[in-house]
N, C-alpha and C. Protein backbone atom coordinates (compact mmCIF):
# COMPACT_ATOMS: atom_id res chain seq x y z
N MET A 1 7.90 67.77 4.55
CA MET A 1 9.15 68.37 4.11
C MET A 1 10.00 68.70 5.32
N SER A 2 11.30 68.53 5.20
CA SER A 2 12.24 68.90 6.25
C SER A 2 12.65 70.35 6.10
N SER A 3 13.52 70.79 6.97
CA SER A 3 14.02 72.15 6.86
C SER A 3 14.87 72.29 5.60
N LEU A 4 15.05 73.52 5.16
CA LEU A 4 15.80 73.76 3.93
C LEU A 4 17.24 73.30 4.02
N LYS A 5 17.83 73.35 5.21
CA LYS A 5 19.23 72.96 5.35
C LYS A 5 19.42 71.47 5.12
N SER A 6 18.46 70.67 5.53
CA SER A 6 18.62 69.23 5.38
C SER A 6 17.99 68.69 4.11
N GLY A 7 17.12 69.42 3.48
CA GLY A 7 16.49 68.97 2.25
C GLY A 7 15.26 68.14 2.50
N LEU A 8 14.82 67.45 1.47
CA LEU A 8 13.63 66.60 1.57
C LEU A 8 13.92 65.37 2.42
N ASN A 9 12.89 64.82 3.01
CA ASN A 9 13.05 63.60 3.79
C ASN A 9 13.52 62.46 2.90
N ALA A 10 14.38 61.63 3.42
CA ALA A 10 14.90 60.48 2.67
C ALA A 10 13.77 59.49 2.38
N CYS A 11 13.94 58.71 1.34
CA CYS A 11 12.98 57.66 1.01
C CYS A 11 13.08 56.55 2.05
N LEU A 12 11.93 56.05 2.48
CA LEU A 12 11.91 54.94 3.43
C LEU A 12 12.15 53.61 2.72
N SER A 13 11.71 53.51 1.47
CA SER A 13 11.90 52.28 0.70
C SER A 13 12.27 52.64 -0.73
N PRO A 14 13.35 52.05 -1.26
CA PRO A 14 13.71 52.32 -2.65
C PRO A 14 12.76 51.63 -3.65
N LEU A 15 11.87 50.81 -3.15
CA LEU A 15 10.94 50.09 -4.04
C LEU A 15 9.73 50.94 -4.44
N ASN A 16 9.45 52.01 -3.67
CA ASN A 16 8.30 52.84 -4.02
C ASN A 16 8.59 54.34 -3.88
N CYS A 17 9.87 54.71 -3.94
CA CYS A 17 10.25 56.11 -3.75
C CYS A 17 11.58 56.37 -4.45
N VAL A 18 11.69 57.56 -5.04
CA VAL A 18 12.94 57.97 -5.68
C VAL A 18 13.23 59.41 -5.26
N LEU A 19 14.47 59.66 -4.84
CA LEU A 19 14.91 61.00 -4.48
C LEU A 19 16.21 61.27 -5.22
N VAL A 20 16.21 62.35 -6.01
CA VAL A 20 17.41 62.74 -6.74
C VAL A 20 17.80 64.16 -6.33
N GLN A 21 19.08 64.41 -6.36
CA GLN A 21 19.61 65.75 -6.10
C GLN A 21 20.54 66.08 -7.25
N LYS A 22 20.31 67.24 -7.86
CA LYS A 22 21.11 67.63 -9.01
C LYS A 22 21.59 69.06 -8.84
N GLU A 23 22.73 69.32 -9.47
CA GLU A 23 23.29 70.66 -9.45
C GLU A 23 23.02 71.32 -10.80
N PHE A 24 22.62 72.59 -10.76
CA PHE A 24 22.31 73.35 -11.96
C PHE A 24 23.03 74.69 -11.90
N LYS A 25 23.30 75.27 -13.07
CA LYS A 25 23.95 76.58 -13.11
C LYS A 25 23.06 77.66 -12.52
N ASP A 26 21.77 77.60 -12.83
CA ASP A 26 20.81 78.59 -12.35
C ASP A 26 19.60 77.86 -11.75
N ALA A 27 19.68 77.57 -10.47
CA ALA A 27 18.62 76.78 -9.82
C ALA A 27 17.31 77.55 -9.75
N ASP A 28 17.37 78.87 -9.69
CA ASP A 28 16.13 79.65 -9.65
C ASP A 28 15.32 79.42 -10.92
N LYS A 29 15.96 79.60 -12.06
CA LYS A 29 15.29 79.42 -13.35
C LYS A 29 14.87 77.96 -13.53
N THR A 30 15.75 77.04 -13.21
CA THR A 30 15.47 75.61 -13.37
C THR A 30 14.31 75.18 -12.47
N PHE A 31 14.28 75.67 -11.25
CA PHE A 31 13.19 75.35 -10.33
C PHE A 31 11.85 75.76 -10.93
N ASN A 32 11.77 76.97 -11.47
CA ASN A 32 10.53 77.44 -12.08
C ASN A 32 10.14 76.60 -13.29
N GLN A 33 11.13 76.19 -14.08
CA GLN A 33 10.85 75.34 -15.24
C GLN A 33 10.34 73.97 -14.80
N LEU A 34 10.96 73.40 -13.77
CA LEU A 34 10.51 72.10 -13.26
C LEU A 34 9.08 72.17 -12.73
N LYS A 35 8.75 73.26 -12.05
CA LYS A 35 7.39 73.42 -11.53
C LYS A 35 6.38 73.44 -12.68
N LYS A 36 6.68 74.16 -13.74
CA LYS A 36 5.78 74.24 -14.89
C LYS A 36 5.59 72.87 -15.54
N ILE A 37 6.67 72.12 -15.66
CA ILE A 37 6.58 70.78 -16.23
C ILE A 37 5.74 69.88 -15.33
N ALA A 38 5.99 69.94 -14.04
CA ALA A 38 5.26 69.09 -13.08
C ALA A 38 3.77 69.41 -13.08
N GLU A 39 3.44 70.67 -13.18
CA GLU A 39 2.04 71.08 -13.15
C GLU A 39 1.27 70.59 -14.38
N LYS A 40 1.98 70.27 -15.45
CA LYS A 40 1.34 69.77 -16.67
C LYS A 40 1.19 68.25 -16.70
N LEU A 41 1.73 67.56 -15.69
CA LEU A 41 1.59 66.11 -15.64
C LEU A 41 0.12 65.73 -15.50
N SER A 42 -0.29 64.69 -16.19
CA SER A 42 -1.68 64.23 -16.12
C SER A 42 -2.06 63.86 -14.69
N ARG A 43 -3.28 64.19 -14.33
CA ARG A 43 -3.85 63.81 -13.03
C ARG A 43 -3.02 64.31 -11.85
N THR A 44 -2.43 65.51 -11.99
CA THR A 44 -1.62 66.10 -10.93
C THR A 44 -2.31 67.31 -10.35
N THR A 45 -2.36 67.36 -9.03
CA THR A 45 -2.95 68.48 -8.31
C THR A 45 -1.86 69.14 -7.47
N VAL A 46 -1.73 70.44 -7.60
CA VAL A 46 -0.74 71.19 -6.81
C VAL A 46 -1.26 71.37 -5.39
N LEU A 47 -0.44 70.99 -4.41
CA LEU A 47 -0.80 71.13 -3.00
C LEU A 47 -0.11 72.33 -2.35
N GLU A 48 1.11 72.62 -2.80
CA GLU A 48 1.88 73.72 -2.21
C GLU A 48 2.83 74.28 -3.26
N ASN A 49 2.97 75.61 -3.27
CA ASN A 49 3.82 76.25 -4.26
C ASN A 49 4.40 77.52 -3.65
N THR A 50 5.71 77.48 -3.30
CA THR A 50 6.37 78.64 -2.73
C THR A 50 7.59 78.98 -3.58
N ASN A 51 8.40 79.92 -3.12
CA ASN A 51 9.59 80.33 -3.88
C ASN A 51 10.64 79.25 -4.00
N ASN A 52 10.65 78.28 -3.06
CA ASN A 52 11.69 77.25 -3.11
C ASN A 52 11.16 75.83 -2.93
N TYR A 53 9.83 75.68 -2.82
CA TYR A 53 9.27 74.34 -2.59
C TYR A 53 7.97 74.20 -3.37
N TRP A 54 7.84 73.04 -4.03
CA TRP A 54 6.61 72.72 -4.76
C TRP A 54 6.22 71.29 -4.39
N LYS A 55 4.92 71.08 -4.14
CA LYS A 55 4.43 69.73 -3.85
C LYS A 55 3.12 69.51 -4.58
N GLY A 56 3.02 68.34 -5.18
CA GLY A 56 1.79 67.95 -5.85
C GLY A 56 1.50 66.49 -5.59
N VAL A 57 0.26 66.10 -5.89
CA VAL A 57 -0.12 64.70 -5.81
C VAL A 57 -0.47 64.25 -7.22
N CYS A 58 0.14 63.14 -7.63
CA CYS A 58 -0.09 62.56 -8.96
C CYS A 58 -0.87 61.26 -8.76
N ARG A 59 -1.97 61.13 -9.47
CA ARG A 59 -2.82 59.94 -9.29
C ARG A 59 -2.67 59.00 -10.47
N SER A 60 -2.69 57.69 -10.17
CA SER A 60 -2.58 56.68 -11.22
C SER A 60 -3.85 56.68 -12.06
N LEU A 61 -3.72 56.19 -13.27
CA LEU A 61 -4.80 56.25 -14.24
C LEU A 61 -6.03 55.44 -13.83
N ILE A 62 -5.85 54.19 -13.48
CA ILE A 62 -7.00 53.32 -13.25
C ILE A 62 -7.51 53.38 -11.82
N PHE A 63 -6.67 53.12 -10.85
CA PHE A 63 -7.12 53.05 -9.46
C PHE A 63 -7.00 54.36 -8.70
N ARG A 64 -6.38 55.39 -9.33
CA ARG A 64 -6.22 56.70 -8.72
C ARG A 64 -5.39 56.69 -7.43
N PHE A 65 -4.41 55.77 -7.36
CA PHE A 65 -3.51 55.76 -6.22
C PHE A 65 -2.70 57.05 -6.20
N PRO A 66 -2.50 57.67 -5.03
CA PRO A 66 -1.75 58.93 -4.97
C PRO A 66 -0.25 58.72 -4.78
N ASP A 67 0.51 59.48 -5.53
CA ASP A 67 1.96 59.56 -5.36
C ASP A 67 2.29 61.02 -5.05
N ASP A 68 3.17 61.25 -4.10
CA ASP A 68 3.59 62.60 -3.76
C ASP A 68 4.81 62.97 -4.59
N LEU A 69 4.76 64.14 -5.21
CA LEU A 69 5.87 64.67 -5.99
C LEU A 69 6.31 65.97 -5.34
N GLU A 70 7.60 66.06 -4.99
CA GLU A 70 8.14 67.25 -4.34
C GLU A 70 9.37 67.75 -5.09
N ILE A 71 9.48 69.07 -5.17
CA ILE A 71 10.64 69.71 -5.78
C ILE A 71 11.11 70.78 -4.80
N LEU A 72 12.37 70.72 -4.42
CA LEU A 72 12.92 71.66 -3.44
C LEU A 72 14.20 72.29 -3.98
N LYS A 73 14.22 73.62 -4.00
CA LYS A 73 15.45 74.35 -4.34
C LYS A 73 16.18 74.59 -3.03
N ILE A 74 17.32 73.96 -2.87
CA ILE A 74 18.06 74.05 -1.62
C ILE A 74 18.89 75.33 -1.55
N ASN A 75 19.54 75.65 -2.65
CA ASN A 75 20.32 76.89 -2.72
C ASN A 75 20.38 77.34 -4.18
N LYS A 76 21.30 78.19 -4.52
CA LYS A 76 21.36 78.75 -5.88
C LYS A 76 21.82 77.75 -6.94
N SER A 77 22.22 76.54 -6.53
CA SER A 77 22.67 75.57 -7.52
C SER A 77 22.12 74.16 -7.34
N ILE A 78 21.48 73.85 -6.22
CA ILE A 78 21.05 72.47 -5.95
C ILE A 78 19.53 72.37 -5.82
N ILE A 79 18.99 71.38 -6.54
CA ILE A 79 17.56 71.08 -6.49
C ILE A 79 17.39 69.60 -6.19
N GLN A 80 16.43 69.30 -5.33
CA GLN A 80 16.05 67.91 -5.05
C GLN A 80 14.66 67.66 -5.62
N ILE A 81 14.47 66.45 -6.15
CA ILE A 81 13.16 66.01 -6.65
C ILE A 81 12.87 64.66 -6.02
N LYS A 82 11.68 64.54 -5.46
CA LYS A 82 11.29 63.28 -4.83
C LYS A 82 9.90 62.88 -5.32
N SER A 83 9.76 61.61 -5.67
CA SER A 83 8.47 61.06 -6.05
C SER A 83 8.29 59.78 -5.25
N ALA A 84 7.17 59.70 -4.52
CA ALA A 84 6.97 58.57 -3.60
C ALA A 84 5.52 58.12 -3.60
N SER A 85 5.32 56.82 -3.64
CA SER A 85 3.97 56.25 -3.52
C SER A 85 3.53 56.29 -2.07
N ARG A 86 2.27 56.58 -1.87
CA ARG A 86 1.74 56.56 -0.50
C ARG A 86 1.37 55.16 -0.06
N PHE A 87 0.99 54.31 -1.01
CA PHE A 87 0.53 52.97 -0.69
C PHE A 87 1.32 51.94 -1.48
N GLY A 88 1.44 50.74 -0.92
CA GLY A 88 2.06 49.63 -1.64
C GLY A 88 3.55 49.52 -1.39
N ALA A 89 4.02 48.31 -1.52
CA ALA A 89 5.44 48.03 -1.30
C ALA A 89 6.28 48.33 -2.53
N SER A 90 5.66 48.32 -3.71
CA SER A 90 6.38 48.59 -4.94
C SER A 90 5.55 49.50 -5.84
N ASP A 91 6.24 50.33 -6.60
CA ASP A 91 5.55 51.23 -7.52
C ASP A 91 5.69 50.80 -8.98
N LEU A 92 6.35 49.66 -9.21
CA LEU A 92 6.57 49.13 -10.56
C LEU A 92 7.33 50.13 -11.45
N GLY A 93 8.15 50.96 -10.82
CA GLY A 93 9.00 51.89 -11.56
C GLY A 93 8.35 53.22 -11.93
N VAL A 94 7.13 53.45 -11.48
CA VAL A 94 6.40 54.67 -11.84
C VAL A 94 7.12 55.93 -11.37
N ASN A 95 7.61 55.94 -10.15
CA ASN A 95 8.24 57.15 -9.62
C ASN A 95 9.55 57.47 -10.33
N GLN A 96 10.33 56.46 -10.66
CA GLN A 96 11.56 56.69 -11.41
C GLN A 96 11.24 57.24 -12.79
N ARG A 97 10.24 56.68 -13.45
CA ARG A 97 9.85 57.17 -14.77
C ARG A 97 9.35 58.61 -14.71
N ARG A 98 8.64 58.96 -13.65
CA ARG A 98 8.14 60.33 -13.49
C ARG A 98 9.31 61.31 -13.37
N ILE A 99 10.28 60.99 -12.55
CA ILE A 99 11.44 61.87 -12.40
C ILE A 99 12.25 61.92 -13.69
N ASN A 100 12.42 60.79 -14.34
CA ASN A 100 13.13 60.77 -15.63
C ASN A 100 12.42 61.67 -16.64
N TYR A 101 11.09 61.62 -16.65
CA TYR A 101 10.32 62.45 -17.57
C TYR A 101 10.54 63.93 -17.27
N LEU A 102 10.48 64.32 -16.00
CA LEU A 102 10.71 65.72 -15.63
C LEU A 102 12.08 66.20 -16.11
N LEU A 103 13.10 65.39 -15.88
CA LEU A 103 14.46 65.78 -16.28
C LEU A 103 14.63 65.79 -17.80
N MET A 104 13.96 64.87 -18.49
CA MET A 104 14.02 64.83 -19.95
C MET A 104 13.35 66.07 -20.54
N GLU A 105 12.19 66.44 -20.02
CA GLU A 105 11.50 67.64 -20.50
C GLU A 105 12.31 68.89 -20.18
N LEU A 106 12.98 68.92 -19.06
CA LEU A 106 13.83 70.04 -18.71
C LEU A 106 14.97 70.17 -19.71
N GLU A 107 15.56 69.06 -20.12
CA GLU A 107 16.63 69.09 -21.12
C GLU A 107 16.14 69.63 -22.45
N LYS A 108 14.91 69.31 -22.83
CA LYS A 108 14.34 69.83 -24.08
C LYS A 108 14.23 71.34 -24.04
N ILE A 109 13.89 71.88 -22.89
CA ILE A 109 13.78 73.34 -22.75
C ILE A 109 15.14 73.98 -22.86
N LYS A 110 16.13 73.37 -22.27
CA LYS A 110 17.47 73.95 -22.21
C LYS A 110 18.21 73.88 -23.55
N CYS A 111 17.79 72.98 -24.43
CA CYS A 111 18.46 72.85 -25.75
C CYS A 111 18.04 73.93 -26.72
């Protein structure tokens, strides 16, 4: 993780990593909701959990390949989410689907 001012490290390859930055009305509440959703993902282990940063490792079903999932609250309105494969040149869309799922579940809570 980089310093809070610069945010999460950029993806080295768009083929196996996704980084999104979104603005929310209440990033504190949203950050906590995202952490709860992420912690419920199958085969996910929490590695770090602070007031503004959460990191977990998500493992694939069959081969147990690790993907790093990070959530960073930058300020009172901006949150970054990054999902990146540790191995392989392509993730076959897994990281994008993971982030889409987190945001979809967040929308269900907010409705």
